[in-house]
N, C-alpha and C. Protein backbone atom coordinates (compact mmCIF):
# COMPACT_ATOMS: atom_id res chain seq x y z
N MET A 1 -17.24 -26.66 17.25
CA MET A 1 -15.93 -26.13 17.53
C MET A 1 -15.85 -24.68 17.04
N ASP A 2 -15.39 -23.78 17.89
CA ASP A 2 -15.27 -22.37 17.54
C ASP A 2 -14.01 -22.14 16.73
N SER A 3 -14.15 -21.37 15.65
CA SER A 3 -12.95 -21.02 14.89
C SER A 3 -12.43 -19.67 15.37
N VAL A 4 -11.14 -19.53 15.33
CA VAL A 4 -10.49 -18.29 15.75
C VAL A 4 -10.54 -17.30 14.60
N ILE A 5 -10.97 -16.09 14.88
CA ILE A 5 -11.01 -15.05 13.87
C ILE A 5 -9.64 -14.39 13.83
N VAL A 6 -9.04 -14.40 12.66
CA VAL A 6 -7.76 -13.74 12.46
C VAL A 6 -8.04 -12.35 11.91
N ARG A 7 -7.54 -11.35 12.60
CA ARG A 7 -7.76 -9.95 12.21
C ARG A 7 -6.59 -9.45 11.38
N VAL A 8 -6.84 -8.43 10.59
CA VAL A 8 -5.80 -7.83 9.77
C VAL A 8 -4.63 -7.39 10.65
N ARG A 9 -4.90 -6.84 11.80
CA ARG A 9 -3.82 -6.37 12.70
C ARG A 9 -2.89 -7.51 13.12
N ASP A 10 -3.39 -8.75 13.07
CA ASP A 10 -2.58 -9.91 13.47
C ASP A 10 -1.59 -10.33 12.39
N VAL A 11 -1.82 -9.92 11.15
CA VAL A 11 -0.99 -10.41 10.04
C VAL A 11 -0.34 -9.30 9.21
N MET A 12 -0.61 -8.05 9.53
CA MET A 12 -0.09 -6.94 8.73
C MET A 12 1.41 -6.77 8.94
N ASN A 13 2.03 -6.13 7.96
CA ASN A 13 3.42 -5.72 8.06
C ASN A 13 3.41 -4.34 8.71
N CYS A 14 4.05 -4.21 9.85
CA CYS A 14 4.02 -2.95 10.59
C CYS A 14 5.03 -1.92 10.08
N ASP A 15 5.95 -2.35 9.23
CA ASP A 15 7.00 -1.46 8.73
C ASP A 15 6.53 -0.77 7.46
N VAL A 16 5.82 0.33 7.62
CA VAL A 16 5.28 1.07 6.47
C VAL A 16 6.25 2.17 6.09
N GLN A 17 6.66 2.16 4.84
CA GLN A 17 7.57 3.18 4.32
C GLN A 17 6.75 4.27 3.65
N THR A 18 7.15 5.52 3.83
CA THR A 18 6.41 6.64 3.27
C THR A 18 7.30 7.48 2.36
N VAL A 19 6.64 8.28 1.54
CA VAL A 19 7.32 9.22 0.67
C VAL A 19 6.42 10.45 0.52
N ASP A 20 7.02 11.58 0.30
CA ASP A 20 6.27 12.81 0.06
C ASP A 20 5.85 12.86 -1.40
N GLY A 21 4.69 13.37 -1.67
CA GLY A 21 4.20 13.48 -3.04
C GLY A 21 5.05 14.37 -3.92
N MET A 22 5.83 15.27 -3.32
CA MET A 22 6.70 16.17 -4.07
C MET A 22 8.07 15.55 -4.37
N ALA A 23 8.31 14.34 -3.88
CA ALA A 23 9.56 13.64 -4.19
C ALA A 23 9.52 13.19 -5.65
N SER A 24 10.67 12.97 -6.22
CA SER A 24 10.71 12.47 -7.60
C SER A 24 10.46 10.97 -7.61
N ALA A 25 10.05 10.47 -8.75
CA ALA A 25 9.86 9.03 -8.91
C ALA A 25 11.17 8.30 -8.68
N LYS A 26 12.29 8.92 -9.06
CA LYS A 26 13.62 8.34 -8.82
C LYS A 26 13.87 8.20 -7.32
N GLU A 27 13.53 9.21 -6.55
CA GLU A 27 13.69 9.14 -5.09
C GLU A 27 12.82 8.03 -4.50
N ALA A 28 11.60 7.91 -5.00
CA ALA A 28 10.71 6.85 -4.52
C ALA A 28 11.30 5.48 -4.82
N ALA A 29 11.84 5.30 -6.02
CA ALA A 29 12.46 4.03 -6.39
C ALA A 29 13.66 3.73 -5.49
N GLU A 30 14.41 4.74 -5.15
CA GLU A 30 15.57 4.56 -4.27
C GLU A 30 15.14 4.12 -2.87
N ILE A 31 14.04 4.70 -2.37
CA ILE A 31 13.52 4.29 -1.06
C ILE A 31 13.06 2.83 -1.12
N MET A 32 12.32 2.47 -2.19
CA MET A 32 11.86 1.09 -2.35
C MET A 32 13.05 0.13 -2.39
N ARG A 33 14.06 0.50 -3.14
CA ARG A 33 15.24 -0.34 -3.29
C ARG A 33 15.96 -0.52 -1.95
N SER A 34 16.17 0.57 -1.23
CA SER A 34 16.94 0.49 0.02
C SER A 34 16.17 -0.20 1.15
N THR A 35 14.84 -0.10 1.13
CA THR A 35 14.04 -0.72 2.20
C THR A 35 13.44 -2.05 1.78
N LYS A 36 13.66 -2.42 0.49
CA LYS A 36 13.18 -3.70 -0.04
C LYS A 36 11.65 -3.87 0.08
N VAL A 37 10.92 -2.81 -0.30
CA VAL A 37 9.46 -2.86 -0.34
C VAL A 37 9.00 -2.58 -1.77
N SER A 38 7.78 -2.98 -2.08
CA SER A 38 7.26 -2.76 -3.42
C SER A 38 6.19 -1.68 -3.47
N GLU A 39 5.98 -0.99 -2.36
CA GLU A 39 5.03 0.11 -2.32
C GLU A 39 5.44 1.11 -1.26
N LEU A 40 5.04 2.36 -1.48
CA LEU A 40 5.27 3.42 -0.50
C LEU A 40 3.95 4.14 -0.26
N LEU A 41 3.67 4.43 0.98
CA LEU A 41 2.52 5.24 1.33
C LEU A 41 2.90 6.69 1.07
N VAL A 42 2.04 7.42 0.36
CA VAL A 42 2.32 8.83 0.07
C VAL A 42 1.66 9.65 1.16
N SER A 43 2.48 10.45 1.83
CA SER A 43 2.04 11.23 2.99
C SER A 43 0.92 12.20 2.64
N LYS A 44 0.05 12.43 3.61
CA LYS A 44 -0.99 13.46 3.48
C LYS A 44 -0.33 14.84 3.52
N ARG A 45 -0.91 15.77 2.79
CA ARG A 45 -0.39 17.14 2.82
C ARG A 45 -0.91 17.89 4.03
N ASN A 46 -2.11 17.50 4.50
CA ASN A 46 -2.70 18.12 5.70
C ASN A 46 -3.72 17.14 6.28
N GLU A 47 -4.34 17.49 7.36
CA GLU A 47 -5.28 16.59 8.06
C GLU A 47 -6.49 16.21 7.20
N ASP A 48 -6.90 17.09 6.30
CA ASP A 48 -8.07 16.82 5.47
C ASP A 48 -7.74 16.09 4.18
N ASP A 49 -6.48 15.89 3.92
CA ASP A 49 -6.04 15.22 2.70
C ASP A 49 -6.23 13.71 2.82
N ALA A 50 -6.12 13.01 1.70
CA ALA A 50 -6.22 11.55 1.68
C ALA A 50 -4.82 10.96 1.50
N TRP A 51 -4.66 9.72 1.95
CA TRP A 51 -3.41 8.99 1.73
C TRP A 51 -3.33 8.60 0.26
N GLY A 52 -2.13 8.44 -0.23
CA GLY A 52 -1.89 7.93 -1.57
C GLY A 52 -0.96 6.74 -1.48
N ILE A 53 -0.73 6.08 -2.62
CA ILE A 53 0.20 4.95 -2.67
C ILE A 53 0.89 4.95 -4.03
N ILE A 54 2.16 4.58 -4.02
CA ILE A 54 2.92 4.39 -5.25
C ILE A 54 3.54 3.01 -5.17
N THR A 55 3.46 2.28 -6.27
CA THR A 55 3.93 0.90 -6.29
C THR A 55 4.97 0.69 -7.39
N ILE A 56 5.62 -0.45 -7.31
CA ILE A 56 6.56 -0.84 -8.37
C ILE A 56 5.84 -0.83 -9.73
N SER A 57 4.60 -1.30 -9.75
CA SER A 57 3.83 -1.30 -11.01
C SER A 57 3.66 0.10 -11.57
N ASP A 58 3.45 1.09 -10.70
CA ASP A 58 3.35 2.48 -11.15
C ASP A 58 4.66 2.92 -11.80
N LEU A 59 5.78 2.58 -11.17
CA LEU A 59 7.08 2.97 -11.72
C LEU A 59 7.34 2.29 -13.06
N ILE A 60 6.98 1.03 -13.17
CA ILE A 60 7.19 0.31 -14.43
C ILE A 60 6.28 0.86 -15.53
N GLY A 61 4.97 0.93 -15.24
CA GLY A 61 4.00 1.31 -16.26
C GLY A 61 3.98 2.78 -16.62
N LYS A 62 4.38 3.64 -15.70
CA LYS A 62 4.27 5.07 -15.95
C LYS A 62 5.62 5.78 -16.14
N ILE A 63 6.71 5.07 -15.84
CA ILE A 63 8.04 5.67 -15.99
C ILE A 63 8.91 4.82 -16.92
N LEU A 64 9.12 3.57 -16.56
CA LEU A 64 10.06 2.72 -17.28
C LEU A 64 9.59 2.38 -18.70
N VAL A 65 8.37 1.86 -18.83
CA VAL A 65 7.87 1.44 -20.15
C VAL A 65 7.78 2.63 -21.12
N PRO A 66 7.20 3.76 -20.72
CA PRO A 66 7.15 4.89 -21.68
C PRO A 66 8.49 5.64 -21.78
N ASP A 67 9.52 5.16 -21.06
CA ASP A 67 10.87 5.74 -21.12
C ASP A 67 10.88 7.21 -20.73
N ARG A 68 10.26 7.50 -19.57
CA ARG A 68 10.27 8.86 -19.04
C ARG A 68 11.42 9.01 -18.05
N ASP A 69 11.83 10.22 -17.80
CA ASP A 69 12.93 10.50 -16.87
C ASP A 69 12.39 10.54 -15.44
N ALA A 70 12.73 9.53 -14.65
CA ALA A 70 12.21 9.40 -13.28
C ALA A 70 12.63 10.56 -12.38
N GLY A 71 13.71 11.22 -12.72
CA GLY A 71 14.15 12.37 -11.93
C GLY A 71 13.31 13.61 -12.14
N ASN A 72 12.53 13.62 -13.23
CA ASN A 72 11.71 14.79 -13.55
C ASN A 72 10.21 14.55 -13.40
N ILE A 73 9.85 13.44 -12.81
CA ILE A 73 8.43 13.12 -12.57
C ILE A 73 8.21 13.08 -11.07
N PHE A 74 7.20 13.79 -10.60
CA PHE A 74 6.88 13.79 -9.17
C PHE A 74 6.02 12.58 -8.81
N VAL A 75 6.16 12.13 -7.59
CA VAL A 75 5.35 11.02 -7.09
C VAL A 75 3.87 11.31 -7.27
N TYR A 76 3.44 12.53 -6.95
CA TYR A 76 2.01 12.86 -7.04
C TYR A 76 1.45 12.69 -8.45
N GLU A 77 2.31 12.73 -9.46
CA GLU A 77 1.86 12.58 -10.84
C GLU A 77 1.52 11.14 -11.21
N ILE A 78 2.08 10.18 -10.50
CA ILE A 78 1.88 8.78 -10.87
C ILE A 78 1.28 7.91 -9.78
N MET A 79 1.02 8.48 -8.62
CA MET A 79 0.47 7.70 -7.50
C MET A 79 -1.02 7.44 -7.67
N THR A 80 -1.55 6.56 -6.85
CA THR A 80 -2.99 6.34 -6.74
C THR A 80 -3.46 7.06 -5.49
N LYS A 81 -4.51 7.87 -5.65
CA LYS A 81 -5.03 8.63 -4.52
C LYS A 81 -6.48 8.96 -4.80
N PRO A 82 -7.40 8.76 -3.88
CA PRO A 82 -7.17 8.22 -2.54
C PRO A 82 -6.95 6.71 -2.60
N VAL A 83 -6.36 6.21 -1.56
CA VAL A 83 -6.06 4.79 -1.47
C VAL A 83 -7.10 4.11 -0.57
N ILE A 84 -7.44 2.88 -0.91
CA ILE A 84 -8.34 2.10 -0.06
C ILE A 84 -7.56 1.68 1.18
N THR A 85 -8.13 1.91 2.35
CA THR A 85 -7.50 1.45 3.59
C THR A 85 -8.34 0.33 4.19
N ILE A 86 -7.68 -0.54 4.93
CA ILE A 86 -8.33 -1.68 5.56
C ILE A 86 -8.33 -1.45 7.07
N PRO A 87 -9.47 -1.58 7.73
CA PRO A 87 -9.49 -1.45 9.19
C PRO A 87 -8.67 -2.56 9.85
N ALA A 88 -7.88 -2.20 10.85
CA ALA A 88 -7.01 -3.16 11.54
C ALA A 88 -7.81 -4.29 12.17
N GLN A 89 -9.04 -4.02 12.59
CA GLN A 89 -9.83 -5.04 13.29
C GLN A 89 -10.63 -5.94 12.34
N MET A 90 -10.53 -5.70 11.01
CA MET A 90 -11.29 -6.49 10.04
C MET A 90 -10.80 -7.94 10.00
N ASP A 91 -11.73 -8.87 9.89
CA ASP A 91 -11.43 -10.28 9.68
C ASP A 91 -10.70 -10.40 8.34
N ILE A 92 -9.62 -11.18 8.29
CA ILE A 92 -8.84 -11.25 7.05
C ILE A 92 -9.64 -11.81 5.88
N ARG A 93 -10.65 -12.62 6.16
CA ARG A 93 -11.48 -13.14 5.06
C ARG A 93 -12.20 -12.01 4.35
N TYR A 94 -12.67 -11.01 5.11
CA TYR A 94 -13.35 -9.87 4.51
C TYR A 94 -12.35 -8.95 3.81
N ALA A 95 -11.15 -8.85 4.36
CA ALA A 95 -10.11 -8.03 3.73
C ALA A 95 -9.75 -8.61 2.36
N VAL A 96 -9.64 -9.94 2.27
CA VAL A 96 -9.37 -10.59 0.99
C VAL A 96 -10.47 -10.26 -0.01
N ARG A 97 -11.71 -10.37 0.41
CA ARG A 97 -12.84 -10.08 -0.49
C ARG A 97 -12.82 -8.63 -0.96
N LEU A 98 -12.55 -7.70 -0.03
CA LEU A 98 -12.52 -6.28 -0.38
C LEU A 98 -11.41 -6.00 -1.39
N LEU A 99 -10.23 -6.49 -1.14
CA LEU A 99 -9.12 -6.25 -2.06
C LEU A 99 -9.39 -6.88 -3.42
N HIS A 100 -9.90 -8.10 -3.41
CA HIS A 100 -10.19 -8.78 -4.67
C HIS A 100 -11.27 -8.05 -5.47
N ARG A 101 -12.34 -7.66 -4.83
CA ARG A 101 -13.45 -7.00 -5.54
C ARG A 101 -13.10 -5.62 -6.07
N THR A 102 -12.14 -4.98 -5.43
CA THR A 102 -11.73 -3.65 -5.89
C THR A 102 -10.48 -3.72 -6.77
N ASP A 103 -10.01 -4.94 -7.04
CA ASP A 103 -8.84 -5.17 -7.88
C ASP A 103 -7.61 -4.43 -7.34
N VAL A 104 -7.43 -4.49 -6.02
CA VAL A 104 -6.30 -3.87 -5.34
C VAL A 104 -5.42 -4.98 -4.78
N GLN A 105 -4.13 -4.86 -4.99
CA GLN A 105 -3.20 -5.90 -4.53
C GLN A 105 -2.64 -5.65 -3.14
N ARG A 106 -2.64 -4.39 -2.71
CA ARG A 106 -2.09 -4.04 -1.39
C ARG A 106 -2.80 -2.82 -0.85
N ALA A 107 -2.84 -2.73 0.48
CA ALA A 107 -3.54 -1.59 1.09
C ALA A 107 -2.96 -1.28 2.46
N PRO A 108 -2.95 0.00 2.81
CA PRO A 108 -2.55 0.38 4.16
C PRO A 108 -3.62 -0.06 5.16
N VAL A 109 -3.18 -0.33 6.37
CA VAL A 109 -4.07 -0.73 7.46
C VAL A 109 -4.24 0.47 8.37
N GLU A 110 -5.50 0.75 8.69
CA GLU A 110 -5.82 1.95 9.47
C GLU A 110 -6.43 1.58 10.82
N HIS A 111 -6.02 2.33 11.85
CA HIS A 111 -6.62 2.18 13.18
C HIS A 111 -6.76 3.57 13.79
N MET A 112 -7.98 3.97 14.06
CA MET A 112 -8.29 5.27 14.66
C MET A 112 -7.68 6.43 13.86
N GLY A 113 -7.79 6.35 12.53
CA GLY A 113 -7.33 7.43 11.67
C GLY A 113 -5.84 7.43 11.37
N GLU A 114 -5.11 6.49 11.91
CA GLU A 114 -3.67 6.41 11.68
C GLU A 114 -3.33 5.15 10.89
N ILE A 115 -2.34 5.24 10.03
CA ILE A 115 -1.85 4.07 9.31
C ILE A 115 -0.91 3.31 10.24
N VAL A 116 -1.23 2.04 10.44
CA VAL A 116 -0.45 1.23 11.39
C VAL A 116 0.23 0.03 10.73
N GLY A 117 -0.02 -0.19 9.45
CA GLY A 117 0.58 -1.32 8.77
C GLY A 117 0.20 -1.36 7.31
N MET A 118 0.60 -2.46 6.66
CA MET A 118 0.30 -2.68 5.26
C MET A 118 -0.01 -4.16 5.07
N VAL A 119 -0.98 -4.47 4.22
CA VAL A 119 -1.28 -5.86 3.87
C VAL A 119 -1.30 -5.99 2.35
N THR A 120 -0.98 -7.20 1.90
CA THR A 120 -1.08 -7.50 0.48
C THR A 120 -2.03 -8.67 0.32
N LEU A 121 -2.70 -8.69 -0.80
CA LEU A 121 -3.61 -9.79 -1.10
C LEU A 121 -2.85 -11.11 -1.09
N GLN A 122 -1.67 -11.11 -1.66
CA GLN A 122 -0.85 -12.32 -1.71
C GLN A 122 -0.51 -12.83 -0.30
N SER A 123 -0.10 -11.94 0.59
CA SER A 123 0.27 -12.39 1.94
C SER A 123 -0.96 -12.85 2.72
N LEU A 124 -2.10 -12.22 2.49
CA LEU A 124 -3.32 -12.66 3.19
C LEU A 124 -3.69 -14.08 2.80
N ILE A 125 -3.50 -14.41 1.53
CA ILE A 125 -3.84 -15.74 1.05
C ILE A 125 -2.76 -16.77 1.40
N LEU A 126 -1.51 -16.44 1.08
CA LEU A 126 -0.44 -17.42 1.21
C LEU A 126 0.02 -17.64 2.65
N ASP A 127 -0.06 -16.61 3.48
CA ASP A 127 0.45 -16.73 4.84
C ASP A 127 -0.60 -17.16 5.86
N ASN A 128 -1.80 -17.46 5.39
CA ASN A 128 -2.88 -17.83 6.31
C ASN A 128 -3.63 -19.02 5.76
N ASP A 129 -4.28 -19.74 6.65
CA ASP A 129 -4.96 -20.98 6.29
C ASP A 129 -6.42 -20.68 5.92
N LEU A 130 -6.61 -19.93 4.81
CA LEU A 130 -7.95 -19.55 4.40
C LEU A 130 -8.63 -20.59 3.51
N LEU A 131 -7.82 -21.41 2.86
CA LEU A 131 -8.38 -22.36 1.90
C LEU A 131 -8.40 -23.77 2.49
């Protein structure tokens, strides 16, 4: 019996929220709050630049816990860059392995050089019949 290969493009969240690296951490938190997401893709500055990502964990660990002023910290100061991207056509089993081995919880999905979605390790495992 042939098994159906589920691709990342089949399960990704297509609603990717972005923020500029020059925005404040407070602005990033406001975007996360209003759009109900736990991560924002940080826009490239130019074609040769890399994507970045800022997460709720970044805001907690780098702003809230050390009691820094989120209005005076730029996103670029606390983001992760470059970010690991997952090819849209990748089998989700390989995406799970890649995220797990690199200790990454979420990643943008890329197709032909463009970000087309976002996946999380949790959603790949819980929303699919991998086990």
